[in-house]
């Protein structure tokens, strides 16, 4: 019984767990503080390594309890198409409009209940992401063609 459960472990989760461990190991070789006392070059990769370990570990535990099954090819196609549209429209429509549209479509298509609330959540999530990266962190993002959000 235990052997059959161990055989059904999700190989992708194992791969991400190993990758997270390697990322954390490599990040710990870097300094966690910069010369001026701020966060150093190893802080973000270390945090990402820990997150990968936590989430892939969670998937590993879940795959032992319930073996993974392949999902819907239609949903996979919708996700891939949304990522392709996002990459093609990003420079033409700007970050805020493109990310809001893609988030709204994905949230509405993949959920059956409370679609209006999820659509609003998609718009708010895109605006919050824009605010975090462009306004707070000063990361240059593709502008909208009309210059409304600069």
C-alpha atoms as a PDB file:
ATOM      1  CA  UNK A   1       0.000   0.000   0.000  1.00  0.00           C
ATOM      2  CA  UNK A   2       2.710   2.488   0.988  1.00  0.00           C
ATOM      3  CA  UNK A   3       4.868   1.484  -1.975  1.00  0.00           C
ATOM      4  CA  UNK A   4       2.030   2.151  -4.434  1.00  0.00           C
ATOM      5  CA  UNK A   5       1.481   5.573  -2.871  1.00  0.00           C
ATOM      6  CA  UNK A   6       5.171   6.428  -3.087  1.00  0.00           C
ATOM      7  CA  UNK A   7       5.215   5.391  -6.738  1.00  0.00           C
ATOM      8  CA  UNK A   8       2.358   7.814  -7.426  1.00  0.00           C
ATOM      9  CA  UNK A   9       4.307  10.849  -6.167  1.00  0.00           C
ATOM     10  CA  UNK A  10       4.098  13.744  -8.574  1.00  0.00           C
ATOM     11  CA  UNK A  11       7.450  13.933 -10.419  1.00  0.00           C
ATOM     12  CA  UNK A  12       6.961  17.629 -11.178  1.00  0.00           C
ATOM     13  CA  UNK A  13       6.629  18.368  -7.462  1.00  0.00           C
ATOM     14  CA  UNK A  14       9.810  16.376  -6.814  1.00  0.00           C
ATOM     15  CA  UNK A  15      11.598  18.395  -9.486  1.00  0.00           C
ATOM     16  CA  UNK A  16      10.439  21.725  -8.066  1.00  0.00           C
ATOM     17  CA  UNK A  17      11.352  20.602  -4.555  1.00  0.00           C
ATOM     18  CA  UNK A  18      14.888  19.789  -5.733  1.00  0.00           C
ATOM     19  CA  UNK A  19      15.070  23.071  -7.658  1.00  0.00           C
ATOM     20  CA  UNK A  20      13.905  25.018  -4.599  1.00  0.00           C
ATOM     21  CA  UNK A  21      16.522  23.315  -2.443  1.00  0.00           C
ATOM     22  CA  UNK A  22      19.245  24.070  -4.983  1.00  0.00           C
ATOM     23  CA  UNK A  23      18.091  27.689  -5.281  1.00  0.00           C
ATOM     24  CA  UNK A  24      18.133  28.101  -1.508  1.00  0.00           C
ATOM     25  CA  UNK A  25      21.580  26.500  -1.255  1.00  0.00           C
ATOM     26  CA  UNK A  26      22.988  28.803  -3.929  1.00  0.00           C
ATOM     27  CA  UNK A  27      21.300  31.888  -2.441  1.00  0.00           C
ATOM     28  CA  UNK A  28      22.810  31.176   0.964  1.00  0.00           C
ATOM     29  CA  UNK A  29      26.248  31.496  -0.661  1.00  0.00           C
ATOM     30  CA  UNK A  30      25.434  35.171  -1.346  1.00  0.00           C
ATOM     31  CA  UNK A  31      25.331  38.010   1.125  1.00  0.00           C
ATOM     32  CA  UNK A  32      21.978  38.719   2.748  1.00  0.00           C
ATOM     33  CA  UNK A  33      22.921  42.353   3.445  1.00  0.00           C
ATOM     34  CA  UNK A  34      24.343  44.995   1.175  1.00  0.00           C
ATOM     35  CA  UNK A  35      27.178  47.311   2.147  1.00  0.00           C
ATOM     36  CA  UNK A  36      24.754  50.023   3.246  1.00  0.00           C
ATOM     37  CA  UNK A  37      22.800  47.595   5.475  1.00  0.00           C
ATOM     38  CA  UNK A  38      19.874  46.994   3.115  1.00  0.00           C
ATOM     39  CA  UNK A  39      18.762  43.701   1.644  1.00  0.00           C
ATOM     40  CA  UNK A  40      21.568  41.958  -0.198  1.00  0.00           C
ATOM     41  CA  UNK A  41      21.668  39.952  -3.411  1.00  0.00           C
ATOM     42  CA  UNK A  42      20.911  36.650  -1.682  1.00  0.00           C
ATOM     43  CA  UNK A  43      17.704  37.671   0.077  1.00  0.00           C
ATOM     44  CA  UNK A  44      15.215  37.395  -2.797  1.00  0.00           C
ATOM     45  CA  UNK A  45      16.578  34.111  -4.211  1.00  0.00           C
ATOM     46  CA  UNK A  46      16.609  32.636  -0.702  1.00  0.00           C
ATOM     47  CA  UNK A  47      12.993  33.661  -0.150  1.00  0.00           C
ATOM     48  CA  UNK A  48      12.008  32.203  -3.515  1.00  0.00           C
ATOM     49  CA  UNK A  49      13.835  28.963  -2.693  1.00  0.00           C
ATOM     50  CA  UNK A  50      11.966  28.680   0.596  1.00  0.00           C
ATOM     51  CA  UNK A  51       8.641  29.338  -1.143  1.00  0.00           C
ATOM     52  CA  UNK A  52       9.418  26.686  -3.753  1.00  0.00           C
ATOM     53  CA  UNK A  53      10.281  24.208  -1.012  1.00  0.00           C
ATOM     54  CA  UNK A  54       7.090  24.964   0.928  1.00  0.00           C
ATOM     55  CA  UNK A  55       4.705  24.806  -2.046  1.00  0.00           C
ATOM     56  CA  UNK A  56       6.305  21.789  -3.716  1.00  0.00           C
ATOM     57  CA  UNK A  57       6.480  20.035  -0.329  1.00  0.00           C
ATOM     58  CA  UNK A  58       2.765  20.651   0.053  1.00  0.00           C
ATOM     59  CA  UNK A  59       2.213  19.140  -3.395  1.00  0.00           C
ATOM     60  CA  UNK A  60       4.347  16.132  -2.485  1.00  0.00           C
ATOM     61  CA  UNK A  61       2.299  15.457   0.636  1.00  0.00           C
ATOM     62  CA  UNK A  62      -0.927  15.866  -1.330  1.00  0.00           C
ATOM     63  CA  UNK A  63       0.282  13.496  -4.047  1.00  0.00           C
ATOM     64  CA  UNK A  64       0.936  10.776  -1.457  1.00  0.00           C
ATOM     65  CA  UNK A  65      -2.582  11.171  -0.032  1.00  0.00           C
ATOM     66  CA  UNK A  66      -4.301  11.449  -3.426  1.00  0.00           C
ATOM     67  CA  UNK A  67      -2.472  10.518  -6.637  1.00  0.00           C
ATOM     68  CA  UNK A  68      -2.261  13.346  -9.184  1.00  0.00           C
ATOM     69  CA  UNK A  69      -4.415  13.179 -12.276  1.00  0.00           C
ATOM     70  CA  UNK A  70      -4.095  15.061 -15.518  1.00  0.00           C
ATOM     71  CA  UNK A  71      -6.509  17.945 -15.865  1.00  0.00           C
ATOM     72  CA  UNK A  72      -8.570  19.166 -18.758  1.00  0.00           C
ATOM     73  CA  UNK A  73      -6.855  19.814 -22.075  1.00  0.00           C
ATOM     74  CA  UNK A  74      -9.373  22.580 -22.772  1.00  0.00           C
ATOM     75  CA  UNK A  75      -8.373  24.416 -19.593  1.00  0.00           C
ATOM     76  CA  UNK A  76      -4.718  23.928 -20.442  1.00  0.00           C
ATOM     77  CA  UNK A  77      -5.343  25.364 -23.908  1.00  0.00           C
ATOM     78  CA  UNK A  78      -7.159  28.367 -22.445  1.00  0.00           C
ATOM     79  CA  UNK A  79      -4.267  29.035 -20.069  1.00  0.00           C
ATOM     80  CA  UNK A  80      -1.662  28.778 -22.836  1.00  0.00           C
ATOM     81  CA  UNK A  81      -3.753  30.995 -25.129  1.00  0.00           C
ATOM     82  CA  UNK A  82      -4.115  33.584 -22.345  1.00  0.00           C
ATOM     83  CA  UNK A  83      -0.340  33.649 -21.822  1.00  0.00           C
ATOM     84  CA  UNK A  84       0.247  34.028 -25.564  1.00  0.00           C
ATOM     85  CA  UNK A  85      -2.280  36.880 -25.772  1.00  0.00           C
ATOM     86  CA  UNK A  86      -0.668  38.492 -22.725  1.00  0.00           C
ATOM     87  CA  UNK A  87       2.787  38.354 -24.281  1.00  0.00           C
ATOM     88  CA  UNK A  88       1.582  39.693 -27.643  1.00  0.00           C
ATOM     89  CA  UNK A  89      -0.596  42.479 -26.230  1.00  0.00           C
ATOM     90  CA  UNK A  90       1.706  43.667 -23.436  1.00  0.00           C
ATOM     91  CA  UNK A  91       3.710  46.158 -25.485  1.00  0.00           C
ATOM     92  CA  UNK A  92       0.712  47.293 -27.545  1.00  0.00           C
ATOM     93  CA  UNK A  93      -1.808  47.832 -24.730  1.00  0.00           C
ATOM     94  CA  UNK A  94       0.444  48.351 -21.722  1.00  0.00           C
ATOM     95  CA  UNK A  95       0.777  46.394 -18.524  1.00  0.00           C
ATOM     96  CA  UNK A  96      -2.322  47.539 -16.672  1.00  0.00           C
ATOM     97  CA  UNK A  97      -4.894  46.981 -19.408  1.00  0.00           C
ATOM     98  CA  UNK A  98      -3.380  43.698 -20.610  1.00  0.00           C
ATOM     99  CA  UNK A  99      -2.959  42.164 -17.170  1.00  0.00           C
ATOM    100  CA  UNK A 100      -6.441  43.263 -16.086  1.00  0.00           C
ATOM    101  CA  UNK A 101      -8.038  41.770 -19.195  1.00  0.00           C
ATOM    102  CA  UNK A 102      -6.171  38.459 -18.922  1.00  0.00           C
ATOM    103  CA  UNK A 103      -6.821  38.146 -15.180  1.00  0.00           C
ATOM    104  CA  UNK A 104     -10.532  38.853 -15.642  1.00  0.00           C
ATOM    105  CA  UNK A 105     -10.848  36.318 -18.461  1.00  0.00           C
ATOM    106  CA  UNK A 106      -9.017  33.585 -16.540  1.00  0.00           C
ATOM    107  CA  UNK A 107     -10.913  34.181 -13.292  1.00  0.00           C
ATOM    108  CA  UNK A 108     -14.293  34.224 -15.057  1.00  0.00           C
ATOM    109  CA  UNK A 109     -13.608  31.219 -17.315  1.00  0.00           C
ATOM    110  CA  UNK A 110     -12.208  28.972 -14.573  1.00  0.00           C
ATOM    111  CA  UNK A 111     -14.902  29.710 -11.968  1.00  0.00           C
ATOM    112  CA  UNK A 112     -18.657  29.209 -12.061  1.00  0.00           C
ATOM    113  CA  UNK A 113     -19.786  31.241  -9.066  1.00  0.00           C
ATOM    114  CA  UNK A 114     -19.555  34.948  -8.299  1.00  0.00           C
ATOM    115  CA  UNK A 115     -18.153  35.883 -11.678  1.00  0.00           C
ATOM    116  CA  UNK A 116     -18.828  39.612 -11.269  1.00  0.00           C
ATOM    117  CA  UNK A 117     -16.887  39.674  -8.003  1.00  0.00           C
ATOM    118  CA  UNK A 118     -14.045  37.718  -9.591  1.00  0.00           C
ATOM    119  CA  UNK A 119     -13.959  40.101 -12.550  1.00  0.00           C
ATOM    120  CA  UNK A 120     -13.677  43.013 -10.129  1.00  0.00           C
ATOM    121  CA  UNK A 121     -10.958  41.108  -8.270  1.00  0.00           C
ATOM    122  CA  UNK A 122      -9.047  40.714 -11.544  1.00  0.00           C
ATOM    123  CA  UNK A 123      -9.136  44.462 -12.181  1.00  0.00           C
ATOM    124  CA  UNK A 124      -8.177  45.279  -8.590  1.00  0.00           C
ATOM    125  CA  UNK A 125      -5.399  42.679  -8.669  1.00  0.00           C
ATOM    126  CA  UNK A 126      -3.952  44.151 -11.858  1.00  0.00           C
ATOM    127  CA  UNK A 127      -4.110  47.668 -10.404  1.00  0.00           C
ATOM    128  CA  UNK A 128      -2.495  46.508  -7.162  1.00  0.00           C
ATOM    129  CA  UNK A 129       0.268  44.739  -9.069  1.00  0.00           C
ATOM    130  CA  UNK A 130       0.850  47.854 -11.149  1.00  0.00           C
ATOM    131  CA  UNK A 131       0.917  49.987  -8.016  1.00  0.00           C
ATOM    132  CA  UNK A 132       3.360  47.667  -6.291  1.00  0.00           C
ATOM    133  CA  UNK A 133       5.822  47.289  -9.134  1.00  0.00           C
ATOM    134  CA  UNK A 134       5.605  50.613 -10.970  1.00  0.00           C
ATOM    135  CA  UNK A 135       4.798  53.063  -8.210  1.00  0.00           C
ATOM    136  CA  UNK A 136       6.359  51.523  -5.113  1.00  0.00           C
ATOM    137  CA  UNK A 137       9.293  49.493  -6.481  1.00  0.00           C
ATOM    138  CA  UNK A 138       9.888  51.728  -9.547  1.00  0.00           C
ATOM    139  CA  UNK A 139      10.060  48.804 -11.970  1.00  0.00           C
ATOM    140  CA  UNK A 140       9.606  50.057 -15.553  1.00  0.00           C
ATOM    141  CA  UNK A 141       6.508  48.458 -17.047  1.00  0.00           C
ATOM    142  CA  UNK A 142       5.156  48.806 -20.597  1.00  0.00           C
ATOM    143  CA  UNK A 143       3.067  52.003 -20.717  1.00  0.00           C
ATOM    144  CA  UNK A 144      -0.421  52.126 -22.129  1.00  0.00           C
ATOM    145  CA  UNK A 145      -0.581  53.645 -25.634  1.00  0.00           C
ATOM    146  CA  UNK A 146      -2.779  56.536 -24.467  1.00  0.00           C
ATOM    147  CA  UNK A 147      -0.581  57.620 -21.551  1.00  0.00           C
ATOM    148  CA  UNK A 148      -3.416  57.463 -19.030  1.00  0.00           C
ATOM    149  CA  UNK A 149      -1.505  55.758 -16.208  1.00  0.00           C
ATOM    150  CA  UNK A 150       1.826  57.604 -16.158  1.00  0.00           C
END
